[in-house]
C-alpha atoms as a PDB file:
ATOM      1  CA  MET A   1     223.100 113.252 127.357  1.00  0.00           C
ATOM      2  CA  LEU A   2     221.479 111.029 124.768  1.00  0.00           C
ATOM      3  CA  TYR A   3     220.346 107.588 125.833  1.00  0.00           C
ATOM      4  CA  VAL A   4     222.468 105.852 123.198  1.00  0.00           C
ATOM      5  CA  GLN A   5     225.609 107.490 124.617  1.00  0.00           C
ATOM      6  CA  HIS A   6     224.913 106.300 128.148  1.00  0.00           C
ATOM      7  CA  PRO A   7     227.116 103.391 129.315  1.00  0.00           C
ATOM      8  CA  ASP A   8     224.021 101.390 130.235  1.00  0.00           C
ATOM      9  CA  ALA A   9     222.447 101.849 126.802  1.00  0.00           C
ATOM     10  CA  GLN A  10     221.005  98.616 125.455  1.00  0.00           C
ATOM     11  CA  ASN A  11     218.671  97.469 122.744  1.00  0.00           C
ATOM     12  CA  LEU A  12     219.216 100.299 120.268  1.00  0.00           C
ATOM     13  CA  PRO A  13     216.784  98.924 117.630  1.00  0.00           C
ATOM     14  CA  HIS A  14     213.978  98.973 120.232  1.00  0.00           C
ATOM     15  CA  THR A  15     214.879 102.566 121.136  1.00  0.00           C
ATOM     16  CA  ILE A  16     214.807 103.598 117.482  1.00  0.00           C
ATOM     17  CA  SER A  17     211.425 101.914 117.105  1.00  0.00           C
ATOM     18  CA  CYS A  18     210.093 103.906 120.082  1.00  0.00           C
ATOM     19  CA  ALA A  19     211.495 107.136 118.650  1.00  0.00           C
ATOM     20  CA  SER A  20     209.970 106.415 115.243  1.00  0.00           C
ATOM     21  CA  PHE A  21     206.570 105.891 116.847  1.00  0.00           C
ATOM     22  CA  CYS A  22     206.793 109.238 118.653  1.00  0.00           C
ATOM     23  CA  PHE A  23     207.853 110.997 115.481  1.00  0.00           C
ATOM     24  CA  SER A  24     204.794 109.627 113.688  1.00  0.00           C
ATOM     25  CA  VAL A  25     202.539 110.928 116.501  1.00  0.00           C
ATOM     26  CA  ARG A  26     204.040 114.391 116.005  1.00  0.00           C
ATOM     27  CA  LEU A  27     203.524 114.268 112.230  1.00  0.00           C
ATOM     28  CA  VAL A  28     199.915 113.108 112.440  1.00  0.00           C
ATOM     29  CA  ARG A  29     199.148 115.982 114.805  1.00  0.00           C
ATOM     30  CA  LEU A  30     200.323 118.383 112.098  1.00  0.00           C
ATOM     31  CA  LEU A  31     198.250 116.612 109.465  1.00  0.00           C
ATOM     32  CA  CYS A  32     195.119 117.269 111.525  1.00  0.00           C
ATOM     33  CA  GLY A  33     195.751 121.005 111.702  1.00  0.00           C
ATOM     34  CA  PHE A  34     196.675 121.475 108.074  1.00  0.00           C
ATOM     35  CA  ALA A  35     194.160 119.073 106.501  1.00  0.00           C
ATOM     36  CA  GLN A  36     192.589 120.444 103.319  1.00  0.00           C
ATOM     37  CA  SER A  37     189.501 118.226 103.322  1.00  0.00           C
ATOM     38  CA  GLN A  38     187.161 116.631 105.826  1.00  0.00           C
ATOM     39  CA  GLU A  39     188.306 113.189 104.721  1.00  0.00           C
ATOM     40  CA  ALA A  40     191.980 114.028 105.264  1.00  0.00           C
ATOM     41  CA  TYR A  41     191.207 115.536 108.670  1.00  0.00           C
ATOM     42  CA  ASP A  42     189.081 112.562 109.755  1.00  0.00           C
ATOM     43  CA  ALA A  43     191.794 110.105 108.722  1.00  0.00           C
ATOM     44  CA  ALA A  44     194.509 112.092 110.515  1.00  0.00           C
ATOM     45  CA  VAL A  45     192.446 112.468 113.701  1.00  0.00           C
ATOM     46  CA  ASN A  46     191.630 108.769 113.779  1.00  0.00           C
ATOM     47  CA  GLU A  47     195.296 107.871 113.257  1.00  0.00           C
ATOM     48  CA  LEU A  48     196.469 110.325 115.924  1.00  0.00           C
ATOM     49  CA  PHE A  49     194.048 109.172 118.597  1.00  0.00           C
ATOM     50  CA  SER A  50     194.614 105.523 117.755  1.00  0.00           C
ATOM     51  CA  ALA A  51     198.330 106.137 118.375  1.00  0.00           C
ATOM     52  CA  LEU A  52     197.614 108.002 121.623  1.00  0.00           C
ATOM     53  CA  ASN A  53     195.361 105.154 122.790  1.00  0.00           C
ATOM     54  CA  THR A  54     198.110 102.656 121.979  1.00  0.00           C
ATOM     55  CA  VAL A  55     200.796 104.541 123.887  1.00  0.00           C
ATOM     56  CA  ASN A  56     198.389 105.182 126.795  1.00  0.00           C
ATOM     57  CA  ASP A  57     197.775 101.431 127.042  1.00  0.00           C
ATOM     58  CA  HIS A  58     201.516 100.724 126.806  1.00  0.00           C
ATOM     59  CA  LEU A  59     202.267 103.191 129.600  1.00  0.00           C
ATOM     60  CA  SER A  60     199.928 101.332 131.954  1.00  0.00           C
ATOM     61  CA  GLY A  61     202.731  98.796 132.423  1.00  0.00           C
ATOM     62  CA  SER A  62     205.860 100.765 131.612  1.00  0.00           C
ATOM     63  CA  ARG A  63     207.189 103.901 133.258  1.00  0.00           C
ATOM     64  CA  TYR A  64     208.737 105.141 130.018  1.00  0.00           C
ATOM     65  CA  LEU A  65     208.209 104.272 126.368  1.00  0.00           C
ATOM     66  CA  CYS A  66     211.163 101.920 126.090  1.00  0.00           C
ATOM     67  CA  GLY A  67     211.191 100.488 129.612  1.00  0.00           C
ATOM     68  CA  ASP A  68     212.602 101.802 132.874  1.00  0.00           C
ATOM     69  CA  LYS A  69     214.933 104.384 131.378  1.00  0.00           C
ATOM     70  CA  LEU A  70     214.143 107.786 130.001  1.00  0.00           C
ATOM     71  CA  THR A  71     215.155 107.904 126.324  1.00  0.00           C
ATOM     72  CA  LEU A  72     215.144 110.386 123.481  1.00  0.00           C
ATOM     73  CA  ALA A  73     211.798 108.883 122.454  1.00  0.00           C
ATOM     74  CA  ASP A  74     210.348 110.010 125.797  1.00  0.00           C
ATOM     75  CA  VAL A  75     211.716 113.513 125.348  1.00  0.00           C
ATOM     76  CA  CYS A  76     210.171 113.712 121.876  1.00  0.00           C
ATOM     77  CA  LEU A  77     206.780 112.502 123.066  1.00  0.00           C
ATOM     78  CA  PHE A  78     206.912 114.775 126.129  1.00  0.00           C
ATOM     79  CA  THR A  79     207.373 117.859 123.948  1.00  0.00           C
ATOM     80  CA  THR A  80     204.217 116.907 122.059  1.00  0.00           C
ATOM     81  CA  LEU A  81     202.188 116.047 125.156  1.00  0.00           C
ATOM     82  CA  ILE A  82     203.114 119.202 127.089  1.00  0.00           C
ATOM     83  CA  ARG A  83     201.769 121.295 124.175  1.00  0.00           C
ATOM     84  CA  PHE A  84     198.790 119.103 123.346  1.00  0.00           C
ATOM     85  CA  ASP A  85     196.095 120.528 125.634  1.00  0.00           C
ATOM     86  CA  LEU A  86     197.610 124.025 125.454  1.00  0.00           C
ATOM     87  CA  VAL A  87     197.731 124.302 121.688  1.00  0.00           C
ATOM     88  CA  TYR A  88     197.147 121.244 119.521  1.00  0.00           C
ATOM     89  CA  ASN A  89     193.734 120.420 120.967  1.00  0.00           C
ATOM     90  CA  VAL A  90     192.361 123.786 119.842  1.00  0.00           C
ATOM     91  CA  MET A  91     194.592 125.119 117.073  1.00  0.00           C
ATOM     92  CA  PHE A  92     195.176 121.850 115.208  1.00  0.00           C
ATOM     93  CA  LYS A  93     191.636 120.585 115.872  1.00  0.00           C
ATOM     94  CA  CYS A  94     192.835 117.545 117.827  1.00  0.00           C
ATOM     95  CA  THR A  95     189.704 117.696 119.956  1.00  0.00           C
ATOM     96  CA  LYS A  96     188.672 114.068 120.379  1.00  0.00           C
ATOM     97  CA  LYS A  97     190.339 113.911 123.809  1.00  0.00           C
ATOM     98  CA  LYS A  98     192.776 115.906 125.885  1.00  0.00           C
ATOM     99  CA  VAL A  99     195.932 114.465 127.420  1.00  0.00           C
ATOM    100  CA  VAL A 100     194.450 115.035 130.882  1.00  0.00           C
ATOM    101  CA  GLU A 101     191.726 112.527 129.936  1.00  0.00           C
ATOM    102  CA  TYR A 102     194.321 109.777 129.424  1.00  0.00           C
ATOM    103  CA  GLN A 103     195.336 108.567 132.880  1.00  0.00           C
ATOM    104  CA  ASN A 104     198.643 107.024 131.821  1.00  0.00           C
ATOM    105  CA  LEU A 105     199.688 109.666 129.279  1.00  0.00           C
ATOM    106  CA  HIS A 106     198.917 112.461 131.708  1.00  0.00           C
ATOM    107  CA  GLY A 107     200.758 110.766 134.573  1.00  0.00           C
ATOM    108  CA  TYR A 108     203.701 110.082 132.248  1.00  0.00           C
ATOM    109  CA  MET A 109     203.791 113.741 131.192  1.00  0.00           C
ATOM    110  CA  CYS A 110     203.715 114.873 134.842  1.00  0.00           C
ATOM    111  CA  ASP A 111     206.405 112.319 135.732  1.00  0.00           C
ATOM    112  CA  ILE A 112     208.795 113.749 133.145  1.00  0.00           C
ATOM    113  CA  TYR A 113     207.826 117.351 133.966  1.00  0.00           C
ATOM    114  CA  GLN A 114     208.796 116.697 137.596  1.00  0.00           C
ATOM    115  CA  ILE A 115     212.301 115.436 136.783  1.00  0.00           C
ATOM    116  CA  PRO A 116     214.671 118.047 138.262  1.00  0.00           C
ATOM    117  CA  HIS A 117     215.245 120.989 135.898  1.00  0.00           C
ATOM    118  CA  VAL A 118     212.686 119.892 133.285  1.00  0.00           C
ATOM    119  CA  ALA A 119     209.864 122.194 134.428  1.00  0.00           C
ATOM    120  CA  GLU A 120     212.118 125.226 134.251  1.00  0.00           C
ATOM    121  CA  THR A 121     212.627 124.543 130.525  1.00  0.00           C
ATOM    122  CA  CYS A 122     208.862 124.505 129.901  1.00  0.00           C
ATOM    123  CA  ASN A 123     207.632 128.073 129.541  1.00  0.00           C
ATOM    124  CA  LEU A 124     203.944 127.299 129.093  1.00  0.00           C
ATOM    125  CA  ASP A 125     202.994 130.911 128.313  1.00  0.00           C
ATOM    126  CA  ALA A 126     205.685 131.125 125.635  1.00  0.00           C
ATOM    127  CA  MET A 127     204.435 127.867 124.115  1.00  0.00           C
ATOM    128  CA  MET A 128     200.963 129.316 123.796  1.00  0.00           C
ATOM    129  CA  ASP A 129     202.226 132.654 122.475  1.00  0.00           C
ATOM    130  CA  GLY A 130     204.441 130.941 119.934  1.00  0.00           C
ATOM    131  CA  TYR A 131     201.469 129.246 118.316  1.00  0.00           C
ATOM    132  CA  TYR A 132     198.541 131.578 118.907  1.00  0.00           C
ATOM    133  CA  LYS A 133     200.351 134.836 118.164  1.00  0.00           C
ATOM    134  CA  PHE A 134     202.613 133.800 115.298  1.00  0.00           C
ATOM    135  CA  LEU A 135     200.753 131.199 113.220  1.00  0.00           C
ATOM    136  CA  PHE A 136     198.583 133.744 111.438  1.00  0.00           C
ATOM    137  CA  PRO A 137     197.010 131.362 108.890  1.00  0.00           C
ATOM    138  CA  LEU A 138     195.619 129.202 111.710  1.00  0.00           C
ATOM    139  CA  ASN A 139     194.753 132.066 114.062  1.00  0.00           C
ATOM    140  CA  PRO A 140     194.207 135.257 112.049  1.00  0.00           C
ATOM    141  CA  GLY A 141     192.873 137.194 115.043  1.00  0.00           C
ATOM    142  CA  ASN A 142     195.907 136.362 117.228  1.00  0.00           C
ATOM    143  CA  ILE A 143     193.458 135.381 119.957  1.00  0.00           C
ATOM    144  CA  ARG A 144     195.095 133.347 122.680  1.00  0.00           C
ATOM    145  CA  PRO A 145     192.741 131.191 124.747  1.00  0.00           C
ATOM    146  CA  VAL A 146     193.009 130.977 128.507  1.00  0.00           C
ATOM    147  CA  MET A 147     195.456 128.321 129.678  1.00  0.00           C
ATOM    148  CA  PRO A 148     193.619 125.120 130.605  1.00  0.00           C
ATOM    149  CA  TYR A 149     193.767 124.441 134.341  1.00  0.00           C
ATOM    150  CA  ALA A 150     195.141 120.925 133.788  1.00  0.00           C
ATOM    151  CA  SER A 151     198.121 122.406 131.908  1.00  0.00           C
ATOM    152  CA  ALA A 152     199.093 124.896 134.607  1.00  0.00           C
ATOM    153  CA  HIS A 153     202.443 124.454 136.357  1.00  0.00           C
ATOM    154  CA  GLU A 154     200.809 123.703 139.729  1.00  0.00           C
ATOM    155  CA  PHE A 155     198.623 120.974 138.234  1.00  0.00           C
ATOM    156  CA  LEU A 156     201.607 119.357 136.494  1.00  0.00           C
ATOM    157  CA  LEU A 157     203.359 119.088 139.864  1.00  0.00           C
ATOM    158  CA  GLN A 158     200.626 116.926 141.384  1.00  0.00           C
ATOM    159  CA  SER A 159     201.337 113.313 142.297  1.00  0.00           C
ATOM    160  CA  HIS A 160     201.410 110.948 139.320  1.00  0.00           C
ATOM    161  CA  ASN A 161     202.101 107.630 141.121  1.00  0.00           C
ATOM    162  CA  ARG A 162     204.194 106.222 138.265  1.00  0.00           C
ATOM    163  CA  GLU A 163     207.232 105.342 140.374  1.00  0.00           C
ATOM    164  CA  TYR A 164     205.809 101.877 141.004  1.00  0.00           C
ATOM    165  CA  LEU A 165     206.288 101.051 137.304  1.00  0.00           C
ATOM    166  CA  SER A 166     210.053 101.440 137.449  1.00  0.00           C
ATOM    167  CA  THR A 167     212.457  98.820 138.690  1.00  0.00           C
ATOM    168  CA  SER A 168     215.230 101.393 138.616  1.00  0.00           C
ATOM    169  CA  GLN A 169     214.261 104.502 140.581  1.00  0.00           C
ATOM    170  CA  GLN A 170     217.342 106.441 139.501  1.00  0.00           C
ATOM    171  CA  SER A 171     216.983 105.931 135.730  1.00  0.00           C
ATOM    172  CA  ALA A 172     215.718 109.417 134.977  1.00  0.00           C
ATOM    173  CA  GLN A 173     218.251 111.071 137.267  1.00  0.00           C
ATOM    174  CA  ILE A 174     221.205 109.334 135.632  1.00  0.00           C
ATOM    175  CA  LEU A 175     220.183 110.240 132.112  1.00  0.00           C
ATOM    176  CA  VAL A 176     219.343 113.883 132.804  1.00  0.00           C
ATOM    177  CA  SER A 177     222.571 114.707 134.610  1.00  0.00           C
END
Protein backbone atom coordinates (compact mmCIF):
# COMPACT_ATOMS: atom_id res chain seq x y z
CA MET A 1 0.00 0.00 0.00
CA LEU A 2 1.41 3.37 -0.95
CA TYR A 3 1.70 6.00 1.74
CA VAL A 4 -0.42 8.50 -0.19
CA GLN A 5 -3.30 6.00 -0.29
CA HIS A 6 -3.26 5.45 3.46
CA PRO A 7 -6.12 7.14 5.36
CA ASP A 8 -3.61 8.84 7.66
CA ALA A 9 -1.61 10.27 4.76
CA GLN A 10 -0.71 13.91 5.31
CA ASN A 11 1.63 16.50 3.90
CA LEU A 12 1.94 15.14 0.37
CA PRO A 13 4.32 17.90 -0.85
CA HIS A 14 6.78 16.98 1.94
CA THR A 15 6.52 13.30 0.94
CA ILE A 16 7.21 14.15 -2.69
CA SER A 17 10.20 16.23 -1.62
CA CYS A 18 11.57 13.25 0.34
CA ALA A 19 11.02 10.94 -2.63
CA SER A 20 12.73 13.38 -4.98
CA PHE A 21 15.76 13.50 -2.69
CA CYS A 22 16.02 9.70 -2.66
CA PHE A 23 15.69 9.54 -6.42
CA SER A 24 18.59 11.98 -6.79
CA VAL A 25 20.74 9.79 -4.48
CA ARG A 26 20.03 6.83 -6.75
CA LEU A 27 20.92 8.79 -9.89
CA VAL A 28 24.18 10.16 -8.50
CA ARG A 29 25.25 6.63 -7.58
CA LEU A 30 24.89 5.68 -11.24
CA LEU A 31 26.84 8.74 -12.35
CA CYS A 32 29.79 7.58 -10.24
CA GLY A 33 29.91 4.17 -11.88
CA PHE A 34 29.51 5.36 -15.44
CA ALA A 35 31.64 8.52 -15.25
CA GLN A 36 33.80 9.04 -18.34
CA SER A 37 36.35 11.36 -16.75
CA GLN A 38 38.03 11.86 -13.40
CA GLU A 39 36.34 15.23 -13.04
CA ALA A 40 32.88 13.78 -13.65
CA TYR A 41 33.56 10.94 -11.20
CA ASP A 42 34.91 13.29 -8.51
CA ALA A 43 31.88 15.57 -8.83
CA ALA A 44 29.45 12.65 -8.68
CA VAL A 45 31.18 11.07 -5.67
CA ASN A 46 31.22 14.35 -3.79
CA GLU A 47 27.52 14.92 -4.55
CA LEU A 48 26.58 11.37 -3.55
CA PHE A 49 28.41 11.41 -0.23
CA SER A 50 27.22 14.91 0.56
CA ALA A 51 23.66 13.61 0.11
CA LEU A 52 24.37 10.53 2.25
CA ASN A 53 25.86 12.74 4.98
CA THR A 54 22.77 14.95 4.86
CA VAL A 55 20.32 12.07 5.17
CA ASN A 56 22.48 10.43 7.88
CA ASP A 57 22.29 13.66 9.90
CA HIS A 58 18.53 13.91 9.29
CA LEU A 59 17.99 10.34 10.48
CA SER A 60 19.63 11.13 13.81
CA GLY A 61 16.34 12.76 14.82
CA SER A 62 13.78 11.04 12.63
CA ARG A 63 12.94 7.36 12.40
CA TYR A 64 12.04 7.62 8.72
CA LEU A 65 12.78 10.18 6.03
CA CYS A 66 9.46 11.98 6.27
CA GLY A 67 8.76 11.55 9.98
CA ASP A 68 7.29 8.68 11.97
CA LYS A 69 5.71 6.85 9.06
CA LEU A 70 7.32 4.64 6.48
CA THR A 71 6.76 6.16 3.03
CA LEU A 72 7.59 5.35 -0.57
CA ALA A 73 10.66 7.57 -0.15
CA ASP A 74 11.92 5.18 2.54
CA VAL A 75 11.35 2.17 0.32
CA CYS A 76 13.28 3.85 -2.50
CA LEU A 77 16.20 4.76 -0.27
CA PHE A 78 16.20 1.31 1.36
CA THR A 79 16.61 -0.39 -2.02
CA THR A 80 19.70 1.73 -2.63
CA LEU A 81 21.16 1.27 0.85
CA ILE A 82 20.68 -2.51 0.94
CA ARG A 83 22.73 -2.78 -2.28
CA PHE A 84 25.28 -0.10 -1.45
CA ASP A 85 27.94 -2.09 0.42
CA LEU A 86 27.19 -5.24 -1.59
CA VAL A 87 27.55 -3.70 -5.03
CA TYR A 88 27.74 0.06 -5.43
CA ASN A 89 30.73 0.53 -3.15
CA VAL A 90 32.87 -1.69 -5.37
CA MET A 91 31.28 -1.82 -8.82
CA PHE A 92 30.25 1.84 -9.09
CA LYS A 93 33.37 3.07 -7.26
CA CYS A 94 31.37 4.64 -4.42
CA THR A 95 34.21 3.89 -2.03
CA LYS A 96 34.44 6.98 0.16
CA LYS A 97 32.40 5.27 2.91
CA LYS A 98 30.21 2.24 3.36
CA VAL A 99 26.67 2.36 4.73
CA VAL A 100 27.85 0.41 7.79
CA GLU A 101 30.10 3.39 8.61
CA TYR A 102 27.07 5.70 8.90
CA GLN A 103 25.46 4.98 12.26
CA ASN A 104 22.05 6.41 11.39
CA LEU A 105 21.84 5.18 7.79
CA HIS A 106 22.89 1.69 8.80
CA GLY A 107 20.44 1.57 11.71
CA TYR A 108 17.70 2.90 9.42
CA MET A 109 18.46 0.20 6.84
CA CYS A 110 18.36 -2.51 9.53
CA ASP A 111 15.13 -1.05 10.94
CA ILE A 112 13.38 -1.37 7.58
CA TYR A 113 14.96 -4.77 6.87
CA GLN A 114 13.49 -6.05 10.14
CA ILE A 115 9.91 -5.01 9.32
CA PRO A 116 7.97 -8.29 8.99
CA HIS A 117 8.26 -9.80 5.50
CA VAL A 118 10.82 -7.28 4.20
CA ALA A 119 13.91 -9.46 4.71
CA GLU A 120 12.35 -12.31 2.76
CA THR A 121 12.13 -10.01 -0.29
CA CYS A 122 15.85 -9.20 -0.09
CA ASN A 123 17.81 -11.98 -1.77
CA LEU A 124 21.29 -10.62 -1.10
CA ASP A 125 23.03 -13.27 -3.22
CA ALA A 126 20.75 -12.53 -6.17
CA MET A 127 21.48 -8.81 -5.80
CA MET A 128 25.18 -9.48 -6.06
CA ASP A 129 24.78 -11.92 -8.95
CA GLY A 130 22.55 -9.50 -10.83
CA TYR A 131 25.28 -6.88 -10.91
CA TYR A 132 28.54 -8.82 -10.87
CA LYS A 133 27.52 -11.53 -13.33
CA PHE A 134 25.42 -9.56 -15.80
CA LEU A 135 26.94 -6.07 -16.09
CA PHE A 136 29.76 -7.16 -18.37
CA PRO A 137 31.09 -3.67 -19.23
CA LEU A 138 31.70 -2.96 -15.53
CA ASN A 139 32.86 -6.46 -14.59
CA PRO A 140 34.26 -8.21 -17.68
CA GLY A 141 35.62 -11.15 -15.68
CA ASN A 142 32.25 -11.85 -13.98
CA ILE A 143 34.14 -11.98 -10.69
CA ARG A 144 31.83 -11.71 -7.71
CA PRO A 145 33.46 -10.52 -4.49
CA VAL A 146 32.74 -12.16 -1.16
CA MET A 147 29.69 -10.71 0.58
CA PRO A 148 30.73 -8.13 3.18
CA TYR A 149 30.03 -9.34 6.72
CA ALA A 150 28.05 -6.19 7.55
CA SER A 151 25.66 -6.96 4.67
CA ALA A 152 24.92 -10.53 5.72
CA HIS A 153 21.37 -11.41 6.80
CA GLU A 154 22.44 -12.15 10.40
CA PHE A 155 24.18 -8.78 10.74
CA LEU A 156 21.14 -6.93 9.37
CA LEU A 157 19.01 -8.52 12.09
CA GLN A 158 21.06 -7.01 14.92
CA SER A 159 19.54 -4.39 17.20
CA HIS A 160 19.32 -0.93 15.65
CA ASN A 161 17.78 1.02 18.57
CA ARG A 162 15.77 3.34 16.31
CA GLU A 163 12.40 2.71 17.96
CA TYR A 164 13.02 5.61 20.34
CA LEU A 165 12.79 8.03 17.39
CA SER A 166 9.19 7.14 16.62
CA THR A 167 6.19 8.53 18.41
CA SER A 168 4.02 5.97 16.66
CA GLN A 169 5.37 2.45 17.17
CA GLN A 170 2.88 0.89 14.76
CA SER A 171 3.55 3.17 11.77
CA ALA A 172 5.57 0.65 9.79
CA GLN A 173 3.18 -2.20 10.56
CA ILE A 174 0.14 -0.28 9.34
CA LEU A 175 1.70 0.73 6.06
CA VAL A 176 3.18 -2.66 5.19
CA SER A 177 0.01 -4.65 5.78
